Amino acid sequence: MKTIKSILWAIVITLSLQLHAQRRYSVAKATFEVAGTSNIHDWTMRSTEGTGSAILTIKDSKLTDIKNLTITLSAESIKSSKTSMDDVAYESLDTKTHKNIRYALKSAEKLNETTWMLIGTYTIAGVSKDYKTQIRIITNDNGALTLQGSNRMTFADFEMTPPTAALGVVKAGKELTILFNITLTDYAKNENVLVIK
């Protein structure tokens, strides 16, 4: 009987420690950049309006596991320096029907102290596709974590036609790159939490 109680007590302590180590984080700030080419010139579009959350396991002030990571970005928050370019991009993204771009983590593998390999699902223009993403994680002095990485993809991956402008004179290339820099802070400490219902 004492043995069973000892085992149960050990399980309770272990679960308590695990729960204590897991923390919910939210996006405090983020920068996203979409970079591509055309037959005339290279182009970029940027957004700083991403929201999201993560469940991370922290032990001895070090990240040991990423349990969950979701990011949502308003498609029309991505802007270039030209309104005309934005309009054709939104048409390709079909932003009237699909308002947001989303990312949802499926798995995470730690490669070394600062590098992780993520497998996650991008949903763009209503189409979902899985990508591997190698990211660099920087631990800041205030306990916040910064995730930096990029993905190369094509318009065809999401059943989109590369945008054209000036009556078809300007044609976007087939490939594009998404770069991101996301800072996560402890949810309980984040004063800029946006709750979407």
C-alpha atoms as a PDB file:
ATOM      1  CA  MET A   1       0.000   0.000   0.000  1.00  0.00           C
ATOM      2  CA  LYS A   2       2.829   2.369   0.852  1.00  0.00           C
ATOM      3  CA  THR A   3       4.464   1.538  -2.474  1.00  0.00           C
ATOM      4  CA  ILE A   4       1.309   2.512  -4.413  1.00  0.00           C
ATOM      5  CA  LYS A   5       1.020   5.757  -2.458  1.00  0.00           C
ATOM      6  CA  SER A   6       4.681   6.521  -3.127  1.00  0.00           C
ATOM      7  CA  ILE A   7       4.220   5.915  -6.860  1.00  0.00           C
ATOM      8  CA  LEU A   8       1.081   8.083  -6.984  1.00  0.00           C
ATOM      9  CA  TRP A   9       2.823  10.837  -5.052  1.00  0.00           C
ATOM     10  CA  ALA A  10       5.795  10.703  -7.463  1.00  0.00           C
ATOM     11  CA  ILE A  11       3.408  10.962 -10.441  1.00  0.00           C
ATOM     12  CA  VAL A  12       1.645  13.972  -8.903  1.00  0.00           C
ATOM     13  CA  ILE A  13       4.974  15.735  -8.260  1.00  0.00           C
ATOM     14  CA  THR A  14       6.206  14.977 -11.793  1.00  0.00           C
ATOM     15  CA  LEU A  15       2.992  16.289 -13.385  1.00  0.00           C
ATOM     16  CA  SER A  16       3.130  19.409 -11.221  1.00  0.00           C
ATOM     17  CA  LEU A  17       6.693  20.119 -12.310  1.00  0.00           C
ATOM     18  CA  GLN A  18       5.794  19.578 -15.963  1.00  0.00           C
ATOM     19  CA  LEU A  19       2.804  21.908 -15.726  1.00  0.00           C
ATOM     20  CA  HIS A  20       4.930  24.502 -14.005  1.00  0.00           C
ATOM     21  CA  ALA A  21       7.540  24.248 -16.753  1.00  0.00           C
ATOM     22  CA  GLN A  22       4.971  24.760 -19.515  1.00  0.00           C
ATOM     23  CA  ARG A  23       4.061  28.379 -20.103  1.00  0.00           C
ATOM     24  CA  ARG A  24       1.693  30.129 -22.448  1.00  0.00           C
ATOM     25  CA  TYR A  25       3.279  32.861 -24.528  1.00  0.00           C
ATOM     26  CA  SER A  26       1.729  35.413 -26.867  1.00  0.00           C
ATOM     27  CA  VAL A  27       3.044  37.500 -29.750  1.00  0.00           C
ATOM     28  CA  ALA A  28       4.264  40.840 -28.399  1.00  0.00           C
ATOM     29  CA  LYS A  29       5.535  42.103 -31.742  1.00  0.00           C
ATOM     30  CA  ALA A  30       6.178  40.646 -35.152  1.00  0.00           C
ATOM     31  CA  THR A  31       7.525  41.583 -38.557  1.00  0.00           C
ATOM     32  CA  PHE A  32       6.640  39.656 -41.702  1.00  0.00           C
ATOM     33  CA  GLU A  33       8.101  40.231 -45.148  1.00  0.00           C
ATOM     34  CA  VAL A  34       7.071  38.700 -48.456  1.00  0.00           C
ATOM     35  CA  ALA A  35       9.762  39.007 -51.117  1.00  0.00           C
ATOM     36  CA  GLY A  36       9.470  38.136 -54.782  1.00  0.00           C
ATOM     37  CA  THR A  37      10.583  38.957 -58.282  1.00  0.00           C
ATOM     38  CA  SER A  38       8.997  40.174 -61.506  1.00  0.00           C
ATOM     39  CA  ASN A  39      10.102  40.652 -65.088  1.00  0.00           C
ATOM     40  CA  ILE A  40      10.730  44.333 -64.238  1.00  0.00           C
ATOM     41  CA  HIS A  41      12.081  44.471 -60.672  1.00  0.00           C
ATOM     42  CA  ASP A  42      12.193  42.676 -57.309  1.00  0.00           C
ATOM     43  CA  TRP A  43       9.459  43.546 -54.823  1.00  0.00           C
ATOM     44  CA  THR A  44       8.695  43.283 -51.104  1.00  0.00           C
ATOM     45  CA  MET A  45       5.583  43.619 -48.956  1.00  0.00           C
ATOM     46  CA  ARG A  46       5.621  43.926 -45.153  1.00  0.00           C
ATOM     47  CA  SER A  47       3.330  43.639 -42.152  1.00  0.00           C
ATOM     48  CA  THR A  48       3.764  44.170 -38.409  1.00  0.00           C
ATOM     49  CA  GLU A  49       0.254  43.105 -37.399  1.00  0.00           C
ATOM     50  CA  GLY A  50       0.584  39.403 -36.592  1.00  0.00           C
ATOM     51  CA  THR A  51      -1.081  37.893 -33.527  1.00  0.00           C
ATOM     52  CA  GLY A  52      -0.748  34.462 -31.984  1.00  0.00           C
ATOM     53  CA  SER A  53       0.235  32.278 -29.074  1.00  0.00           C
ATOM     54  CA  ALA A  54       2.502  29.417 -28.100  1.00  0.00           C
ATOM     55  CA  ILE A  55       2.861  26.851 -25.333  1.00  0.00           C
ATOM     56  CA  LEU A  56       6.530  26.437 -24.478  1.00  0.00           C
ATOM     57  CA  THR A  57       8.370  24.247 -22.011  1.00  0.00           C
ATOM     58  CA  ILE A  58      11.029  26.181 -20.126  1.00  0.00           C
ATOM     59  CA  LYS A  59      13.509  24.435 -17.823  1.00  0.00           C
ATOM     60  CA  ASP A  60      16.369  26.236 -16.087  1.00  0.00           C
ATOM     61  CA  SER A  61      15.575  29.327 -18.196  1.00  0.00           C
ATOM     62  CA  LYS A  62      16.081  27.323 -21.404  1.00  0.00           C
ATOM     63  CA  LEU A  63      13.537  26.381 -24.058  1.00  0.00           C
ATOM     64  CA  THR A  64      13.232  22.593 -24.159  1.00  0.00           C
ATOM     65  CA  ASP A  65      10.003  22.042 -26.108  1.00  0.00           C
ATOM     66  CA  ILE A  66       7.516  23.880 -28.313  1.00  0.00           C
ATOM     67  CA  LYS A  67       4.119  22.312 -27.696  1.00  0.00           C
ATOM     68  CA  ASN A  68       2.028  24.694 -29.749  1.00  0.00           C
ATOM     69  CA  LEU A  69       2.496  27.734 -31.984  1.00  0.00           C
ATOM     70  CA  THR A  70      -0.211  29.513 -33.959  1.00  0.00           C
ATOM     71  CA  ILE A  71       0.124  32.773 -35.873  1.00  0.00           C
ATOM     72  CA  THR A  72      -2.610  34.765 -37.627  1.00  0.00           C
ATOM     73  CA  LEU A  73      -1.939  37.638 -39.992  1.00  0.00           C
ATOM     74  CA  SER A  74      -4.520  39.814 -41.709  1.00  0.00           C
ATOM     75  CA  ALA A  75      -3.848  39.356 -45.431  1.00  0.00           C
ATOM     76  CA  GLU A  76      -4.525  43.028 -46.174  1.00  0.00           C
ATOM     77  CA  SER A  77      -2.076  44.169 -43.493  1.00  0.00           C
ATOM     78  CA  ILE A  78       0.713  43.164 -45.890  1.00  0.00           C
ATOM     79  CA  LYS A  79       1.637  46.282 -47.828  1.00  0.00           C
ATOM     80  CA  SER A  80       4.200  47.527 -50.322  1.00  0.00           C
ATOM     81  CA  SER A  81       5.081  51.089 -51.193  1.00  0.00           C
ATOM     82  CA  LYS A  82       2.525  51.090 -54.015  1.00  0.00           C
ATOM     83  CA  THR A  83      -1.246  50.821 -53.605  1.00  0.00           C
ATOM     84  CA  SER A  84      -1.630  49.425 -57.132  1.00  0.00           C
ATOM     85  CA  MET A  85       0.711  46.553 -56.267  1.00  0.00           C
ATOM     86  CA  ASP A  86      -1.211  45.887 -53.053  1.00  0.00           C
ATOM     87  CA  ASP A  87      -4.485  45.669 -54.980  1.00  0.00           C
ATOM     88  CA  VAL A  88      -3.236  42.995 -57.399  1.00  0.00           C
ATOM     89  CA  ALA A  89      -1.661  41.067 -54.510  1.00  0.00           C
ATOM     90  CA  TYR A  90      -4.965  41.089 -52.588  1.00  0.00           C
ATOM     91  CA  GLU A  91      -6.742  39.880 -55.706  1.00  0.00           C
ATOM     92  CA  SER A  92      -4.374  36.893 -55.934  1.00  0.00           C
ATOM     93  CA  LEU A  93      -4.825  36.226 -52.218  1.00  0.00           C
ATOM     94  CA  ASP A  94      -8.619  36.544 -52.637  1.00  0.00           C
ATOM     95  CA  THR A  95      -8.766  38.635 -49.474  1.00  0.00           C
ATOM     96  CA  LYS A  96     -12.501  39.277 -49.882  1.00  0.00           C
ATOM     97  CA  THR A  97     -13.095  35.607 -49.118  1.00  0.00           C
ATOM     98  CA  HIS A  98      -9.972  34.670 -47.145  1.00  0.00           C
ATOM     99  CA  LYS A  99      -9.221  37.487 -44.706  1.00  0.00           C
ATOM    100  CA  ASN A 100      -6.304  35.883 -42.851  1.00  0.00           C
ATOM    101  CA  ILE A 101      -3.071  34.015 -43.394  1.00  0.00           C
ATOM    102  CA  ARG A 102      -2.472  31.383 -40.708  1.00  0.00           C
ATOM    103  CA  TYR A 103       0.341  29.189 -39.439  1.00  0.00           C
ATOM    104  CA  ALA A 104      -0.163  26.221 -37.097  1.00  0.00           C
ATOM    105  CA  LEU A 105       2.704  24.138 -35.715  1.00  0.00           C
ATOM    106  CA  LYS A 106       2.540  20.352 -36.082  1.00  0.00           C
ATOM    107  CA  SER A 107       5.901  19.373 -34.577  1.00  0.00           C
ATOM    108  CA  ALA A 108       9.171  20.879 -33.368  1.00  0.00           C
ATOM    109  CA  GLU A 109      12.656  19.378 -33.089  1.00  0.00           C
ATOM    110  CA  LYS A 110      15.540  21.003 -31.259  1.00  0.00           C
ATOM    111  CA  LEU A 111      18.729  20.904 -33.328  1.00  0.00           C
ATOM    112  CA  ASN A 112      20.951  22.818 -30.913  1.00  0.00           C
ATOM    113  CA  GLU A 113      20.662  25.539 -28.244  1.00  0.00           C
ATOM    114  CA  THR A 114      19.514  28.190 -30.718  1.00  0.00           C
ATOM    115  CA  THR A 115      18.210  26.269 -33.736  1.00  0.00           C
ATOM    116  CA  TRP A 116      14.939  24.360 -34.153  1.00  0.00           C
ATOM    117  CA  MET A 117      13.271  22.576 -37.071  1.00  0.00           C
ATOM    118  CA  LEU A 118       9.532  23.165 -37.224  1.00  0.00           C
ATOM    119  CA  ILE A 119       6.924  21.400 -39.315  1.00  0.00           C
ATOM    120  CA  GLY A 120       3.766  23.425 -39.628  1.00  0.00           C
ATOM    121  CA  THR A 121       0.817  24.254 -41.834  1.00  0.00           C
ATOM    122  CA  TYR A 122       0.490  27.531 -43.718  1.00  0.00           C
ATOM    123  CA  THR A 123      -3.037  28.414 -44.824  1.00  0.00           C
ATOM    124  CA  ILE A 124      -2.989  31.057 -47.546  1.00  0.00           C
ATOM    125  CA  ALA A 125      -5.918  32.004 -49.817  1.00  0.00           C
ATOM    126  CA  GLY A 126      -7.893  29.164 -48.257  1.00  0.00           C
ATOM    127  CA  VAL A 127      -5.347  26.471 -49.199  1.00  0.00           C
ATOM    128  CA  SER A 128      -3.240  24.647 -46.601  1.00  0.00           C
ATOM    129  CA  LYS A 129       0.241  23.217 -47.095  1.00  0.00           C
ATOM    130  CA  ASP A 130       2.877  21.854 -44.718  1.00  0.00           C
ATOM    131  CA  TYR A 131       6.417  23.230 -44.666  1.00  0.00           C
ATOM    132  CA  LYS A 132       9.627  22.522 -42.800  1.00  0.00           C
ATOM    133  CA  THR A 133      11.073  25.708 -41.323  1.00  0.00           C
ATOM    134  CA  GLN A 134      14.474  26.055 -39.676  1.00  0.00           C
ATOM    135  CA  ILE A 135      14.332  28.864 -37.139  1.00  0.00           C
ATOM    136  CA  ARG A 136      16.772  30.640 -34.866  1.00  0.00           C
ATOM    137  CA  ILE A 137      15.563  31.392 -31.329  1.00  0.00           C
ATOM    138  CA  ILE A 138      17.071  34.232 -29.308  1.00  0.00           C
ATOM    139  CA  THR A 139      16.393  34.455 -25.575  1.00  0.00           C
ATOM    140  CA  ASN A 140      16.165  38.085 -24.493  1.00  0.00           C
ATOM    141  CA  ASP A 141      17.186  39.454 -21.098  1.00  0.00           C
ATOM    142  CA  ASN A 142      13.541  40.017 -20.099  1.00  0.00           C
ATOM    143  CA  GLY A 143      12.655  36.358 -20.732  1.00  0.00           C
ATOM    144  CA  ALA A 144      11.042  37.023 -24.112  1.00  0.00           C
ATOM    145  CA  LEU A 145      11.925  34.761 -27.033  1.00  0.00           C
ATOM    146  CA  THR A 146      12.519  35.925 -30.607  1.00  0.00           C
ATOM    147  CA  LEU A 147      11.915  33.498 -33.481  1.00  0.00           C
ATOM    148  CA  GLN A 148      13.609  34.224 -36.807  1.00  0.00           C
ATOM    149  CA  GLY A 149      13.246  32.229 -39.985  1.00  0.00           C
ATOM    150  CA  SER A 150      12.002  32.038 -43.556  1.00  0.00           C
ATOM    151  CA  ASN A 151      10.238  29.806 -46.073  1.00  0.00           C
ATOM    152  CA  ARG A 152      10.511  29.630 -49.829  1.00  0.00           C
ATOM    153  CA  MET A 153       7.308  28.749 -51.640  1.00  0.00           C
ATOM    154  CA  THR A 154       5.482  29.259 -54.915  1.00  0.00           C
ATOM    155  CA  PHE A 155       2.149  30.811 -55.808  1.00  0.00           C
ATOM    156  CA  ALA A 156       1.150  27.424 -57.248  1.00  0.00           C
ATOM    157  CA  ASP A 157       1.606  25.801 -53.817  1.00  0.00           C
ATOM    158  CA  PHE A 158      -1.534  27.660 -52.757  1.00  0.00           C
ATOM    159  CA  GLU A 159      -3.342  27.448 -56.102  1.00  0.00           C
ATOM    160  CA  MET A 160      -2.721  31.131 -56.784  1.00  0.00           C
ATOM    161  CA  THR A 161      -1.816  32.758 -60.081  1.00  0.00           C
ATOM    162  CA  PRO A 162       1.221  35.080 -59.893  1.00  0.00           C
ATOM    163  CA  PRO A 163      -0.060  38.684 -59.941  1.00  0.00           C
ATOM    164  CA  THR A 164       0.236  40.876 -63.008  1.00  0.00           C
ATOM    165  CA  ALA A 165      -0.023  44.652 -63.373  1.00  0.00           C
ATOM    166  CA  ALA A 166      -0.034  47.351 -66.061  1.00  0.00           C
ATOM    167  CA  LEU A 167      -2.313  45.279 -68.336  1.00  0.00           C
ATOM    168  CA  GLY A 168      -0.043  42.255 -68.030  1.00  0.00           C
ATOM    169  CA  VAL A 169       3.192  44.091 -68.781  1.00  0.00           C
ATOM    170  CA  VAL A 170       4.510  43.489 -65.252  1.00  0.00           C
ATOM    171  CA  LYS A 171       4.429  39.822 -64.230  1.00  0.00           C
ATOM    172  CA  ALA A 172       5.436  38.444 -60.831  1.00  0.00           C
ATOM    173  CA  GLY A 173       7.793  35.496 -60.701  1.00  0.00           C
ATOM    174  CA  LYS A 174       6.539  32.069 -59.622  1.00  0.00           C
ATOM    175  CA  GLU A 175       8.529  31.925 -56.368  1.00  0.00           C
ATOM    176  CA  LEU A 176       8.410  34.026 -53.223  1.00  0.00           C
ATOM    177  CA  THR A 177      10.025  34.041 -49.796  1.00  0.00           C
ATOM    178  CA  ILE A 178       8.330  34.689 -46.468  1.00  0.00           C
ATOM    179  CA  LEU A 179      10.641  36.023 -43.739  1.00  0.00           C
ATOM    180  CA  PHE A 180       9.546  36.494 -40.144  1.00  0.00           C
ATOM    181  CA  ASN A 181      10.816  37.908 -36.869  1.00  0.00           C
ATOM    182  CA  ILE A 182       8.435  37.146 -33.995  1.00  0.00           C
ATOM    183  CA  THR A 183       8.867  38.059 -30.333  1.00  0.00           C
ATOM    184  CA  LEU A 184       6.957  35.964 -27.789  1.00  0.00           C
ATOM    185  CA  THR A 185       6.460  37.029 -24.188  1.00  0.00           C
ATOM    186  CA  ASP A 186       4.977  35.247 -21.205  1.00  0.00           C
ATOM    187  CA  TYR A 187       1.194  35.622 -21.602  1.00  0.00           C
ATOM    188  CA  ALA A 188       0.777  36.699 -17.981  1.00  0.00           C
ATOM    189  CA  LYS A 189       3.324  39.496 -18.456  1.00  0.00           C
ATOM    190  CA  ASN A 190       2.195  40.695 -21.894  1.00  0.00           C
ATOM    191  CA  GLU A 191       0.279  43.935 -21.628  1.00  0.00           C
ATOM    192  CA  ASN A 192      -0.506  44.053 -25.356  1.00  0.00           C
ATOM    193  CA  VAL A 193      -2.520  40.845 -25.573  1.00  0.00           C
ATOM    194  CA  LEU A 194      -5.164  40.918 -28.292  1.00  0.00           C
ATOM    195  CA  VAL A 195      -8.024  38.517 -27.661  1.00  0.00           C
ATOM    196  CA  ILE A 196      -9.939  37.466 -30.799  1.00  0.00           C
ATOM    197  CA  LYS A 197     -13.406  36.027 -30.200  1.00  0.00           C
END
